[in-house]
């Protein structure tokens, strides 16, 4: 099959065209999907550059060539013997957390719990833009922070970097849950984030959010420590100093510490570092979120999309052969919403 794998870590130029990749076989709990569309998430760029390799290389059956990509929308071609929900011809979408499954190619075999029926009111391109950012947000809030939808009604929530893929989804979801939302983005994206549900939009180029906001209940930080030494502290400074205040970050030192120190020393060191951060922030709750699959999250995404509560936000669409340009676009950090990859031309 055709795909765009990498054979080494590095810049976007490491992608190579291949017409000789094997079509994956399916085990009893898997579904083979003919991929119509996928998308680019920041984690794809990080993996391409070698982020997390200490862990990810141990998980991969084959080191290289490595097919990146997590999101998928497409058509079921084959199902495993234990799969009863799906059949050949079904239109599905989802996202995989496995390092042995990539979507920058024509076919991928997904665990049946990581896909669902594609909402009928979405195109394949639209469907491919949502699962990873939705499950990232869902996992962070529900699993790691233990927050329930009713907990955020009328609560003040700050979303750091609201115009990206995760941010544009999180604004819509948390608005639906009844939160009052402030966010940062460039001035050119203020209209977008307000349309999605943010009440306050702060231009990070000319304004300092920590001088404008106070007494917040939750910070959902899509930037994390990538924002510099003071970024996390600035986020914490706007939160109420209470036991029901939460700071959730998507970017933190956990895997970087393991990469730097190795598995044996790195894991306990990362855990100790996280515990120290939690201790220093008390009574505020600190959560270092890590992506985990969630069938319930994907099911809720489908329901909200079909009810038109959640709408995809797509910056641009590239062909799979132009994956280099797509990665470079995401690398600018100026994409509005998601950059989508069309694997097979969609009518």
C-alpha atoms as a PDB file:
ATOM      1  CA  UNK A   1       0.000   0.000   0.000  1.00  0.00           C
ATOM      2  CA  UNK A   2       0.979   3.643  -0.365  1.00  0.00           C
ATOM      3  CA  UNK A   3       2.089   5.643   2.641  1.00  0.00           C
ATOM      4  CA  UNK A   4       4.419   8.344   3.930  1.00  0.00           C
ATOM      5  CA  UNK A   5       6.532   6.752   6.680  1.00  0.00           C
ATOM      6  CA  UNK A   6       9.693   8.042   8.322  1.00  0.00           C
ATOM      7  CA  UNK A   7      12.942   6.050   8.516  1.00  0.00           C
ATOM      8  CA  UNK A   8      14.680   8.338  11.005  1.00  0.00           C
ATOM      9  CA  UNK A   9      13.853  11.152  13.405  1.00  0.00           C
ATOM     10  CA  UNK A  10      14.138  14.728  12.266  1.00  0.00           C
ATOM     11  CA  UNK A  11      12.493  17.651  10.491  1.00  0.00           C
ATOM     12  CA  UNK A  12       9.465  17.304   8.206  1.00  0.00           C
ATOM     13  CA  UNK A  13      11.800  16.395   5.340  1.00  0.00           C
ATOM     14  CA  UNK A  14      12.261  12.876   6.811  1.00  0.00           C
ATOM     15  CA  UNK A  15       8.940  11.720   5.306  1.00  0.00           C
ATOM     16  CA  UNK A  16       9.416   9.376   2.353  1.00  0.00           C
ATOM     17  CA  UNK A  17       6.927   8.065  -0.199  1.00  0.00           C
ATOM     18  CA  UNK A  18       6.501   4.299  -0.302  1.00  0.00           C
ATOM     19  CA  UNK A  19       4.274   2.094  -2.439  1.00  0.00           C
ATOM     20  CA  UNK A  20       5.469  -1.131  -0.828  1.00  0.00           C
ATOM     21  CA  UNK A  21       4.125  -0.954   2.718  1.00  0.00           C
ATOM     22  CA  UNK A  22       2.304  -4.128   3.834  1.00  0.00           C
ATOM     23  CA  UNK A  23      -1.453  -3.939   4.418  1.00  0.00           C
ATOM     24  CA  UNK A  24      -1.923  -4.773   8.125  1.00  0.00           C
ATOM     25  CA  UNK A  25      -3.553  -8.054   9.096  1.00  0.00           C
ATOM     26  CA  UNK A  26      -6.341  -7.935  11.687  1.00  0.00           C
ATOM     27  CA  UNK A  27      -6.468  -9.830  14.953  1.00  0.00           C
ATOM     28  CA  UNK A  28      -9.727 -10.973  16.529  1.00  0.00           C
ATOM     29  CA  UNK A  29     -10.502  -7.577  18.127  1.00  0.00           C
ATOM     30  CA  UNK A  30      -9.432  -5.350  15.239  1.00  0.00           C
ATOM     31  CA  UNK A  31     -11.037  -3.635  12.277  1.00  0.00           C
ATOM     32  CA  UNK A  32      -9.175  -2.956   9.030  1.00  0.00           C
ATOM     33  CA  UNK A  33     -10.029   0.527   7.780  1.00  0.00           C
ATOM     34  CA  UNK A  34      -9.460   1.903   4.294  1.00  0.00           C
ATOM     35  CA  UNK A  35      -8.428   5.400   5.230  1.00  0.00           C
ATOM     36  CA  UNK A  36     -10.148   8.326   3.556  1.00  0.00           C
ATOM     37  CA  UNK A  37      -8.771  11.113   5.768  1.00  0.00           C
ATOM     38  CA  UNK A  38      -6.520  11.717   8.739  1.00  0.00           C
ATOM     39  CA  UNK A  39      -5.098  14.828  10.411  1.00  0.00           C
ATOM     40  CA  UNK A  40      -1.948  16.322  11.892  1.00  0.00           C
ATOM     41  CA  UNK A  41      -1.689  16.765  15.655  1.00  0.00           C
ATOM     42  CA  UNK A  42       1.240  18.438  17.452  1.00  0.00           C
ATOM     43  CA  UNK A  43       2.143  15.070  19.018  1.00  0.00           C
ATOM     44  CA  UNK A  44       2.849  13.777  15.485  1.00  0.00           C
ATOM     45  CA  UNK A  45       5.500  16.471  15.028  1.00  0.00           C
ATOM     46  CA  UNK A  46       6.971  15.686  18.419  1.00  0.00           C
ATOM     47  CA  UNK A  47       7.162  11.942  17.713  1.00  0.00           C
ATOM     48  CA  UNK A  48       8.741  12.668  14.330  1.00  0.00           C
ATOM     49  CA  UNK A  49      11.486  14.599  16.117  1.00  0.00           C
ATOM     50  CA  UNK A  50      12.108  11.778  18.612  1.00  0.00           C
ATOM     51  CA  UNK A  51       9.975  12.854  21.576  1.00  0.00           C
ATOM     52  CA  UNK A  52       9.095   9.930  23.826  1.00  0.00           C
ATOM     53  CA  UNK A  53      11.347   7.515  21.949  1.00  0.00           C
ATOM     54  CA  UNK A  54      12.536   5.810  25.144  1.00  0.00           C
ATOM     55  CA  UNK A  55       8.987   4.538  25.708  1.00  0.00           C
ATOM     56  CA  UNK A  56       7.682   4.457  22.130  1.00  0.00           C
ATOM     57  CA  UNK A  57      10.585   2.433  20.722  1.00  0.00           C
ATOM     58  CA  UNK A  58       9.951  -0.296  23.289  1.00  0.00           C
ATOM     59  CA  UNK A  59       6.304  -0.443  22.182  1.00  0.00           C
ATOM     60  CA  UNK A  60       6.960  -0.632  18.442  1.00  0.00           C
ATOM     61  CA  UNK A  61       7.178  -4.019  16.761  1.00  0.00           C
ATOM     62  CA  UNK A  62       9.377  -2.482  14.068  1.00  0.00           C
ATOM     63  CA  UNK A  63      11.556   0.546  14.711  1.00  0.00           C
ATOM     64  CA  UNK A  64      11.529   1.910  11.146  1.00  0.00           C
ATOM     65  CA  UNK A  65       9.930   2.593   8.776  1.00  0.00           C
ATOM     66  CA  UNK A  66       7.441   4.158  11.171  1.00  0.00           C
ATOM     67  CA  UNK A  67       4.016   5.361  10.056  1.00  0.00           C
ATOM     68  CA  UNK A  68       2.808   8.319  12.131  1.00  0.00           C
ATOM     69  CA  UNK A  69      -0.714   9.704  12.479  1.00  0.00           C
ATOM     70  CA  UNK A  70      -3.521   8.922  14.929  1.00  0.00           C
ATOM     71  CA  UNK A  71      -6.837  10.204  13.565  1.00  0.00           C
ATOM     72  CA  UNK A  72      -8.835   8.257  11.008  1.00  0.00           C
ATOM     73  CA  UNK A  73     -12.029   8.397   9.012  1.00  0.00           C
ATOM     74  CA  UNK A  74     -12.710   5.746   6.437  1.00  0.00           C
ATOM     75  CA  UNK A  75     -14.494   2.583   5.424  1.00  0.00           C
ATOM     76  CA  UNK A  76     -14.332  -0.836   7.072  1.00  0.00           C
ATOM     77  CA  UNK A  77     -12.716  -3.437   4.788  1.00  0.00           C
ATOM     78  CA  UNK A  78     -12.389  -6.392   7.179  1.00  0.00           C
ATOM     79  CA  UNK A  79     -13.287  -7.282  10.778  1.00  0.00           C
ATOM     80  CA  UNK A  80     -11.737  -9.689  13.284  1.00  0.00           C
ATOM     81  CA  UNK A  81     -13.553 -12.758  14.555  1.00  0.00           C
ATOM     82  CA  UNK A  82     -14.576 -11.124  17.873  1.00  0.00           C
ATOM     83  CA  UNK A  83     -15.878  -7.917  16.261  1.00  0.00           C
ATOM     84  CA  UNK A  84     -19.688  -7.743  16.159  1.00  0.00           C
ATOM     85  CA  UNK A  85     -20.360  -3.987  16.076  1.00  0.00           C
ATOM     86  CA  UNK A  86     -18.850  -3.280  12.655  1.00  0.00           C
ATOM     87  CA  UNK A  87     -19.077  -4.878   9.226  1.00  0.00           C
ATOM     88  CA  UNK A  88     -17.469  -4.340   5.839  1.00  0.00           C
ATOM     89  CA  UNK A  89     -18.638  -1.106   4.233  1.00  0.00           C
ATOM     90  CA  UNK A  90     -19.361   0.790   7.467  1.00  0.00           C
ATOM     91  CA  UNK A  91     -18.166   4.386   7.601  1.00  0.00           C
ATOM     92  CA  UNK A  92     -16.139   4.875  10.785  1.00  0.00           C
ATOM     93  CA  UNK A  93     -13.903   7.355  12.553  1.00  0.00           C
ATOM     94  CA  UNK A  94     -11.644   7.346  15.591  1.00  0.00           C
ATOM     95  CA  UNK A  95      -8.111   7.674  16.868  1.00  0.00           C
ATOM     96  CA  UNK A  96      -5.418   5.259  17.984  1.00  0.00           C
ATOM     97  CA  UNK A  97      -2.917   5.583  20.802  1.00  0.00           C
ATOM     98  CA  UNK A  98      -0.835   2.608  19.635  1.00  0.00           C
ATOM     99  CA  UNK A  99       2.646   3.291  18.272  1.00  0.00           C
ATOM    100  CA  UNK A 100       2.137   0.288  15.964  1.00  0.00           C
ATOM    101  CA  UNK A 101      -0.794   1.921  14.179  1.00  0.00           C
ATOM    102  CA  UNK A 102      -0.273   4.890  11.861  1.00  0.00           C
ATOM    103  CA  UNK A 103      -2.686   6.675   9.552  1.00  0.00           C
ATOM    104  CA  UNK A 104      -0.391   8.395   7.044  1.00  0.00           C
ATOM    105  CA  UNK A 105      -1.140   5.495   4.684  1.00  0.00           C
ATOM    106  CA  UNK A 106      -3.994   3.730   2.867  1.00  0.00           C
ATOM    107  CA  UNK A 107      -4.988   1.100   5.451  1.00  0.00           C
ATOM    108  CA  UNK A 108      -4.719   0.664   9.225  1.00  0.00           C
ATOM    109  CA  UNK A 109      -6.003  -1.971  11.676  1.00  0.00           C
ATOM    110  CA  UNK A 110      -7.711  -0.407  14.705  1.00  0.00           C
ATOM    111  CA  UNK A 111      -8.821  -1.944  17.966  1.00  0.00           C
ATOM    112  CA  UNK A 112     -12.611  -1.954  17.815  1.00  0.00           C
ATOM    113  CA  UNK A 113     -12.794   0.177  20.996  1.00  0.00           C
ATOM    114  CA  UNK A 114     -10.925   3.042  19.339  1.00  0.00           C
ATOM    115  CA  UNK A 115     -13.393   3.638  16.504  1.00  0.00           C
ATOM    116  CA  UNK A 116     -17.101   4.417  16.169  1.00  0.00           C
ATOM    117  CA  UNK A 117     -19.572   4.989  13.369  1.00  0.00           C
ATOM    118  CA  UNK A 118     -18.844   8.250  11.561  1.00  0.00           C
ATOM    119  CA  UNK A 119     -21.544  10.841  12.267  1.00  0.00           C
ATOM    120  CA  UNK A 120     -23.686  11.092   9.144  1.00  0.00           C
ATOM    121  CA  UNK A 121     -23.605  14.903   9.196  1.00  0.00           C
ATOM    122  CA  UNK A 122     -19.805  15.007   8.814  1.00  0.00           C
ATOM    123  CA  UNK A 123     -17.677  14.574   5.704  1.00  0.00           C
ATOM    124  CA  UNK A 124     -14.662  12.266   5.961  1.00  0.00           C
ATOM    125  CA  UNK A 125     -12.375  15.303   6.205  1.00  0.00           C
ATOM    126  CA  UNK A 126     -14.462  16.805   9.005  1.00  0.00           C
ATOM    127  CA  UNK A 127     -14.665  13.498  10.873  1.00  0.00           C
ATOM    128  CA  UNK A 128     -10.887  13.040  10.762  1.00  0.00           C
ATOM    129  CA  UNK A 129     -10.348  16.414  12.436  1.00  0.00           C
ATOM    130  CA  UNK A 130     -12.075  15.580  15.713  1.00  0.00           C
ATOM    131  CA  UNK A 131     -11.275  12.284  17.508  1.00  0.00           C
ATOM    132  CA  UNK A 132      -7.750  12.923  18.819  1.00  0.00           C
ATOM    133  CA  UNK A 133      -8.456  16.431  20.119  1.00  0.00           C
ATOM    134  CA  UNK A 134     -11.788  15.310  21.570  1.00  0.00           C
ATOM    135  CA  UNK A 135     -10.355  12.314  23.423  1.00  0.00           C
ATOM    136  CA  UNK A 136      -7.363  14.390  24.547  1.00  0.00           C
ATOM    137  CA  UNK A 137      -9.755  16.873  26.150  1.00  0.00           C
ATOM    138  CA  UNK A 138     -12.105  14.203  27.504  1.00  0.00           C
ATOM    139  CA  UNK A 139      -9.248  12.196  29.032  1.00  0.00           C
ATOM    140  CA  UNK A 140      -7.726  15.281  30.644  1.00  0.00           C
ATOM    141  CA  UNK A 141     -10.962  16.428  32.255  1.00  0.00           C
ATOM    142  CA  UNK A 142     -12.729  13.166  33.090  1.00  0.00           C
ATOM    143  CA  UNK A 143      -9.930  10.670  33.714  1.00  0.00           C
ATOM    144  CA  UNK A 144      -7.025  12.698  35.067  1.00  0.00           C
ATOM    145  CA  UNK A 145      -8.824  15.568  36.804  1.00  0.00           C
ATOM    146  CA  UNK A 146     -11.949  13.618  37.785  1.00  0.00           C
ATOM    147  CA  UNK A 147     -14.203  16.469  36.672  1.00  0.00           C
ATOM    148  CA  UNK A 148     -17.835  15.803  35.764  1.00  0.00           C
ATOM    149  CA  UNK A 149     -19.833  17.972  33.352  1.00  0.00           C
ATOM    150  CA  UNK A 150     -22.076  19.262  36.161  1.00  0.00           C
ATOM    151  CA  UNK A 151     -18.999  20.387  38.122  1.00  0.00           C
ATOM    152  CA  UNK A 152     -18.300  23.158  35.612  1.00  0.00           C
ATOM    153  CA  UNK A 153     -21.706  24.820  35.396  1.00  0.00           C
ATOM    154  CA  UNK A 154     -21.172  28.581  35.844  1.00  0.00           C
ATOM    155  CA  UNK A 155     -17.487  27.990  36.691  1.00  0.00           C
ATOM    156  CA  UNK A 156     -14.748  30.238  35.322  1.00  0.00           C
ATOM    157  CA  UNK A 157     -12.434  28.344  32.962  1.00  0.00           C
ATOM    158  CA  UNK A 158      -9.285  29.612  31.263  1.00  0.00           C
ATOM    159  CA  UNK A 159      -8.110  27.804  28.141  1.00  0.00           C
ATOM    160  CA  UNK A 160      -4.530  28.644  27.230  1.00  0.00           C
ATOM    161  CA  UNK A 161      -4.119  28.694  23.396  1.00  0.00           C
ATOM    162  CA  UNK A 162      -7.746  28.458  22.354  1.00  0.00           C
ATOM    163  CA  UNK A 163      -7.522  28.663  18.556  1.00  0.00           C
ATOM    164  CA  UNK A 164      -5.640  25.391  17.943  1.00  0.00           C
ATOM    165  CA  UNK A 165      -7.080  21.934  17.455  1.00  0.00           C
ATOM    166  CA  UNK A 166      -7.574  21.033  21.117  1.00  0.00           C
ATOM    167  CA  UNK A 167      -8.517  24.574  22.071  1.00  0.00           C
ATOM    168  CA  UNK A 168     -11.301  24.967  19.515  1.00  0.00           C
ATOM    169  CA  UNK A 169     -12.814  21.662  20.631  1.00  0.00           C
ATOM    170  CA  UNK A 170     -12.413  22.361  24.366  1.00  0.00           C
ATOM    171  CA  UNK A 171     -14.126  25.753  24.092  1.00  0.00           C
ATOM    172  CA  UNK A 172     -17.183  24.133  22.510  1.00  0.00           C
ATOM    173  CA  UNK A 173     -17.352  21.254  24.988  1.00  0.00           C
ATOM    174  CA  UNK A 174     -16.864  23.364  28.118  1.00  0.00           C
ATOM    175  CA  UNK A 175     -19.329  25.982  26.884  1.00  0.00           C
ATOM    176  CA  UNK A 176     -21.862  23.158  26.476  1.00  0.00           C
ATOM    177  CA  UNK A 177     -21.101  22.087  30.062  1.00  0.00           C
ATOM    178  CA  UNK A 178     -22.040  25.587  31.225  1.00  0.00           C
ATOM    179  CA  UNK A 179     -18.599  27.090  31.897  1.00  0.00           C
ATOM    180  CA  UNK A 180     -17.695  30.753  31.448  1.00  0.00           C
ATOM    181  CA  UNK A 181     -14.621  30.700  29.231  1.00  0.00           C
ATOM    182  CA  UNK A 182     -11.640  32.990  28.729  1.00  0.00           C
ATOM    183  CA  UNK A 183      -8.890  32.112  26.275  1.00  0.00           C
ATOM    184  CA  UNK A 184      -5.716  33.386  24.626  1.00  0.00           C
ATOM    185  CA  UNK A 185      -5.104  33.626  20.882  1.00  0.00           C
ATOM    186  CA  UNK A 186      -3.964  36.194  18.347  1.00  0.00           C
ATOM    187  CA  UNK A 187      -6.344  39.076  17.707  1.00  0.00           C
ATOM    188  CA  UNK A 188      -7.137  37.694  14.247  1.00  0.00           C
ATOM    189  CA  UNK A 189      -8.733  34.649  15.916  1.00  0.00           C
ATOM    190  CA  UNK A 190     -10.868  36.499  18.463  1.00  0.00           C
ATOM    191  CA  UNK A 191     -14.007  36.270  16.326  1.00  0.00           C
ATOM    192  CA  UNK A 192     -13.497  32.516  15.899  1.00  0.00           C
ATOM    193  CA  UNK A 193     -13.100  31.665  19.590  1.00  0.00           C
ATOM    194  CA  UNK A 194     -16.021  33.898  20.571  1.00  0.00           C
ATOM    195  CA  UNK A 195     -18.227  32.240  17.981  1.00  0.00           C
ATOM    196  CA  UNK A 196     -17.268  28.877  19.488  1.00  0.00           C
ATOM    197  CA  UNK A 197     -18.280  30.011  22.962  1.00  0.00           C
ATOM    198  CA  UNK A 198     -15.489  31.988  24.660  1.00  0.00           C
ATOM    199  CA  UNK A 199     -16.675  35.089  26.509  1.00  0.00           C
ATOM    200  CA  UNK A 200     -13.225  36.649  26.869  1.00  0.00           C
ATOM    201  CA  UNK A 201     -10.507  36.548  24.181  1.00  0.00           C
ATOM    202  CA  UNK A 202      -7.057  37.840  25.110  1.00  0.00           C
ATOM    203  CA  UNK A 203      -4.416  38.724  22.516  1.00  0.00           C
ATOM    204  CA  UNK A 204      -1.246  37.028  23.750  1.00  0.00           C
ATOM    205  CA  UNK A 205       0.866  39.370  21.573  1.00  0.00           C
ATOM    206  CA  UNK A 206      -0.197  42.554  23.371  1.00  0.00           C
ATOM    207  CA  UNK A 207      -1.876  41.483  26.630  1.00  0.00           C
ATOM    208  CA  UNK A 208      -0.917  39.458  29.702  1.00  0.00           C
ATOM    209  CA  UNK A 209      -3.753  37.155  30.709  1.00  0.00           C
ATOM    210  CA  UNK A 210      -2.468  36.874  34.288  1.00  0.00           C
ATOM    211  CA  UNK A 211      -2.902  40.638  34.730  1.00  0.00           C
ATOM    212  CA  UNK A 212      -6.488  40.519  33.448  1.00  0.00           C
ATOM    213  CA  UNK A 213      -7.940  37.357  35.005  1.00  0.00           C
ATOM    214  CA  UNK A 214      -8.443  36.258  38.609  1.00  0.00           C
ATOM    215  CA  UNK A 215     -10.443  33.837  40.748  1.00  0.00           C
ATOM    216  CA  UNK A 216     -10.683  31.120  38.099  1.00  0.00           C
ATOM    217  CA  UNK A 217     -11.776  27.570  38.890  1.00  0.00           C
ATOM    218  CA  UNK A 218     -10.012  25.660  36.112  1.00  0.00           C
ATOM    219  CA  UNK A 219      -7.084  26.203  33.771  1.00  0.00           C
ATOM    220  CA  UNK A 220      -6.902  23.915  30.746  1.00  0.00           C
ATOM    221  CA  UNK A 221      -3.413  24.599  29.430  1.00  0.00           C
ATOM    222  CA  UNK A 222      -2.815  23.532  25.819  1.00  0.00           C
ATOM    223  CA  UNK A 223       0.605  25.214  25.903  1.00  0.00           C
ATOM    224  CA  UNK A 224       2.061  24.030  29.207  1.00  0.00           C
ATOM    225  CA  UNK A 225       5.778  24.415  29.833  1.00  0.00           C
ATOM    226  CA  UNK A 226       6.343  24.984  26.103  1.00  0.00           C
ATOM    227  CA  UNK A 227       5.354  28.561  26.918  1.00  0.00           C
ATOM    228  CA  UNK A 228       8.555  29.183  28.888  1.00  0.00           C
ATOM    229  CA  UNK A 229       9.706  29.108  32.490  1.00  0.00           C
ATOM    230  CA  UNK A 230       6.991  31.388  33.864  1.00  0.00           C
ATOM    231  CA  UNK A 231       4.063  30.066  31.799  1.00  0.00           C
ATOM    232  CA  UNK A 232       2.781  27.485  34.277  1.00  0.00           C
ATOM    233  CA  UNK A 233       3.219  29.806  37.251  1.00  0.00           C
ATOM    234  CA  UNK A 234       1.259  32.520  35.464  1.00  0.00           C
ATOM    235  CA  UNK A 235      -1.592  30.064  34.906  1.00  0.00           C
ATOM    236  CA  UNK A 236      -1.604  29.018  38.562  1.00  0.00           C
ATOM    237  CA  UNK A 237      -1.687  32.661  39.664  1.00  0.00           C
ATOM    238  CA  UNK A 238      -5.183  33.218  38.249  1.00  0.00           C
ATOM    239  CA  UNK A 239      -6.715  30.232  40.049  1.00  0.00           C
ATOM    240  CA  UNK A 240      -8.537  30.377  43.364  1.00  0.00           C
ATOM    241  CA  UNK A 241      -6.308  28.962  46.099  1.00  0.00           C
ATOM    242  CA  UNK A 242      -8.872  26.293  46.910  1.00  0.00           C
ATOM    243  CA  UNK A 243      -9.029  22.491  46.957  1.00  0.00           C
ATOM    244  CA  UNK A 244     -11.555  22.399  44.099  1.00  0.00           C
ATOM    245  CA  UNK A 245      -9.360  24.448  41.749  1.00  0.00           C
ATOM    246  CA  UNK A 246      -7.691  22.522  38.929  1.00  0.00           C
ATOM    247  CA  UNK A 247      -4.741  23.099  36.611  1.00  0.00           C
ATOM    248  CA  UNK A 248      -4.520  20.622  33.716  1.00  0.00           C
ATOM    249  CA  UNK A 249      -1.600  20.670  31.298  1.00  0.00           C
ATOM    250  CA  UNK A 250      -1.122  18.737  28.065  1.00  0.00           C
ATOM    251  CA  UNK A 251       2.604  19.567  27.832  1.00  0.00           C
ATOM    252  CA  UNK A 252       4.791  18.641  30.769  1.00  0.00           C
ATOM    253  CA  UNK A 253       8.227  17.103  31.504  1.00  0.00           C
ATOM    254  CA  UNK A 254       7.117  13.482  32.091  1.00  0.00           C
ATOM    255  CA  UNK A 255       8.263  11.819  28.847  1.00  0.00           C
ATOM    256  CA  UNK A 256      11.083  14.315  28.315  1.00  0.00           C
ATOM    257  CA  UNK A 257      12.536  13.356  31.691  1.00  0.00           C
ATOM    258  CA  UNK A 258      12.418   9.664  30.736  1.00  0.00           C
ATOM    259  CA  UNK A 259      14.053  10.443  27.371  1.00  0.00           C
ATOM    260  CA  UNK A 260      16.804  12.377  29.132  1.00  0.00           C
ATOM    261  CA  UNK A 261      17.525   9.936  31.966  1.00  0.00           C
ATOM    262  CA  UNK A 262      16.506   6.584  30.485  1.00  0.00           C
ATOM    263  CA  UNK A 263      13.763   4.218  31.576  1.00  0.00           C
ATOM    264  CA  UNK A 264      15.226   2.917  34.854  1.00  0.00           C
ATOM    265  CA  UNK A 265      16.162   6.289  36.331  1.00  0.00           C
ATOM    266  CA  UNK A 266      13.767   8.432  34.297  1.00  0.00           C
ATOM    267  CA  UNK A 267      10.434   6.948  35.400  1.00  0.00           C
ATOM    268  CA  UNK A 268      10.937   7.365  39.173  1.00  0.00           C
ATOM    269  CA  UNK A 269      12.545  10.759  38.537  1.00  0.00           C
ATOM    270  CA  UNK A 270       9.543  11.923  36.488  1.00  0.00           C
ATOM    271  CA  UNK A 271       7.105  10.641  39.118  1.00  0.00           C
ATOM    272  CA  UNK A 272       9.058  12.415  41.862  1.00  0.00           C
ATOM    273  CA  UNK A 273       9.099  15.625  39.830  1.00  0.00           C
ATOM    274  CA  UNK A 274       5.343  15.458  39.302  1.00  0.00           C
ATOM    275  CA  UNK A 275       4.767  14.863  43.019  1.00  0.00           C
ATOM    276  CA  UNK A 276       6.921  17.868  43.884  1.00  0.00           C
ATOM    277  CA  UNK A 277       4.964  20.100  41.512  1.00  0.00           C
ATOM    278  CA  UNK A 278       1.694  18.888  43.048  1.00  0.00           C
ATOM    279  CA  UNK A 279       2.999  19.540  46.556  1.00  0.00           C
ATOM    280  CA  UNK A 280       4.155  23.077  45.765  1.00  0.00           C
ATOM    281  CA  UNK A 281       0.832  24.008  44.157  1.00  0.00           C
ATOM    282  CA  UNK A 282      -1.423  22.899  47.016  1.00  0.00           C
ATOM    283  CA  UNK A 283      -4.309  23.394  47.594  1.00  0.00           C
ATOM    284  CA  UNK A 284      -4.674  23.728  43.797  1.00  0.00           C
ATOM    285  CA  UNK A 285      -4.873  20.342  42.051  1.00  0.00           C
ATOM    286  CA  UNK A 286      -2.230  19.732  39.359  1.00  0.00           C
ATOM    287  CA  UNK A 287      -2.818  17.221  36.564  1.00  0.00           C
ATOM    288  CA  UNK A 288      -0.256  16.136  33.946  1.00  0.00           C
ATOM    289  CA  UNK A 289      -2.526  14.680  31.299  1.00  0.00           C
ATOM    290  CA  UNK A 290      -1.513  11.785  29.034  1.00  0.00           C
ATOM    291  CA  UNK A 291      -3.658  10.608  26.114  1.00  0.00           C
ATOM    292  CA  UNK A 292      -5.678   7.459  26.780  1.00  0.00           C
ATOM    293  CA  UNK A 293      -8.347   5.817  24.586  1.00  0.00           C
ATOM    294  CA  UNK A 294     -11.932   6.350  25.709  1.00  0.00           C
ATOM    295  CA  UNK A 295     -14.869   4.559  24.027  1.00  0.00           C
ATOM    296  CA  UNK A 296     -17.271   6.589  26.183  1.00  0.00           C
ATOM    297  CA  UNK A 297     -15.582   9.825  25.121  1.00  0.00           C
ATOM    298  CA  UNK A 298     -15.815   8.910  21.441  1.00  0.00           C
ATOM    299  CA  UNK A 299     -19.461   7.934  21.850  1.00  0.00           C
ATOM    300  CA  UNK A 300     -20.227  11.271  23.505  1.00  0.00           C
ATOM    301  CA  UNK A 301     -18.370  13.073  20.707  1.00  0.00           C
ATOM    302  CA  UNK A 302     -20.600  11.344  18.153  1.00  0.00           C
ATOM    303  CA  UNK A 303     -23.720  12.364  20.079  1.00  0.00           C
ATOM    304  CA  UNK A 304     -22.655  16.001  20.364  1.00  0.00           C
ATOM    305  CA  UNK A 305     -21.634  16.204  16.706  1.00  0.00           C
ATOM    306  CA  UNK A 306     -24.951  14.756  15.541  1.00  0.00           C
ATOM    307  CA  UNK A 307     -26.754  17.249  17.806  1.00  0.00           C
ATOM    308  CA  UNK A 308     -24.608  19.993  16.201  1.00  0.00           C
ATOM    309  CA  UNK A 309     -23.261  21.056  19.607  1.00  0.00           C
ATOM    310  CA  UNK A 310     -19.715  20.343  18.395  1.00  0.00           C
ATOM    311  CA  UNK A 311     -18.605  21.505  14.961  1.00  0.00           C
ATOM    312  CA  UNK A 312     -15.261  20.798  13.309  1.00  0.00           C
ATOM    313  CA  UNK A 313     -12.841  23.673  12.792  1.00  0.00           C
ATOM    314  CA  UNK A 314     -10.562  23.009   9.831  1.00  0.00           C
ATOM    315  CA  UNK A 315      -7.685  25.281   8.920  1.00  0.00           C
ATOM    316  CA  UNK A 316      -6.628  23.563   5.687  1.00  0.00           C
ATOM    317  CA  UNK A 317      -6.612  20.271   3.782  1.00  0.00           C
ATOM    318  CA  UNK A 318      -3.537  18.642   2.214  1.00  0.00           C
ATOM    319  CA  UNK A 319      -3.083  15.479   0.187  1.00  0.00           C
ATOM    320  CA  UNK A 320      -1.083  12.667   1.822  1.00  0.00           C
ATOM    321  CA  UNK A 321       1.729  13.242  -0.691  1.00  0.00           C
ATOM    322  CA  UNK A 322       1.987  16.779   0.701  1.00  0.00           C
ATOM    323  CA  UNK A 323       2.390  15.654   4.330  1.00  0.00           C
ATOM    324  CA  UNK A 324       5.625  17.662   4.614  1.00  0.00           C
ATOM    325  CA  UNK A 325       3.788  20.936   3.942  1.00  0.00           C
ATOM    326  CA  UNK A 326       1.024  19.899   6.348  1.00  0.00           C
ATOM    327  CA  UNK A 327       3.518  19.262   9.160  1.00  0.00           C
ATOM    328  CA  UNK A 328       5.220  22.564   8.446  1.00  0.00           C
ATOM    329  CA  UNK A 329       1.866  24.357   8.690  1.00  0.00           C
ATOM    330  CA  UNK A 330       1.151  22.835  12.098  1.00  0.00           C
ATOM    331  CA  UNK A 331       4.734  23.630  13.118  1.00  0.00           C
ATOM    332  CA  UNK A 332       4.055  27.366  12.746  1.00  0.00           C
ATOM    333  CA  UNK A 333       1.558  27.112  15.648  1.00  0.00           C
ATOM    334  CA  UNK A 334      -0.721  29.438  13.692  1.00  0.00           C
ATOM    335  CA  UNK A 335      -3.244  26.958  12.329  1.00  0.00           C
ATOM    336  CA  UNK A 336      -6.860  27.774  13.184  1.00  0.00           C
ATOM    337  CA  UNK A 337      -8.276  24.470  14.314  1.00  0.00           C
ATOM    338  CA  UNK A 338      -7.060  21.350  12.509  1.00  0.00           C
ATOM    339  CA  UNK A 339      -4.902  20.577   9.482  1.00  0.00           C
ATOM    340  CA  UNK A 340      -6.489  17.621   7.670  1.00  0.00           C
ATOM    341  CA  UNK A 341      -4.822  15.077   5.388  1.00  0.00           C
ATOM    342  CA  UNK A 342      -6.841  13.628   2.520  1.00  0.00           C
ATOM    343  CA  UNK A 343      -5.523  10.110   1.960  1.00  0.00           C
ATOM    344  CA  UNK A 344      -8.024   9.257  -0.743  1.00  0.00           C
ATOM    345  CA  UNK A 345      -9.767  11.978  -2.732  1.00  0.00           C
ATOM    346  CA  UNK A 346     -13.186  12.534  -1.150  1.00  0.00           C
ATOM    347  CA  UNK A 347     -16.079  13.576  -3.336  1.00  0.00           C
END
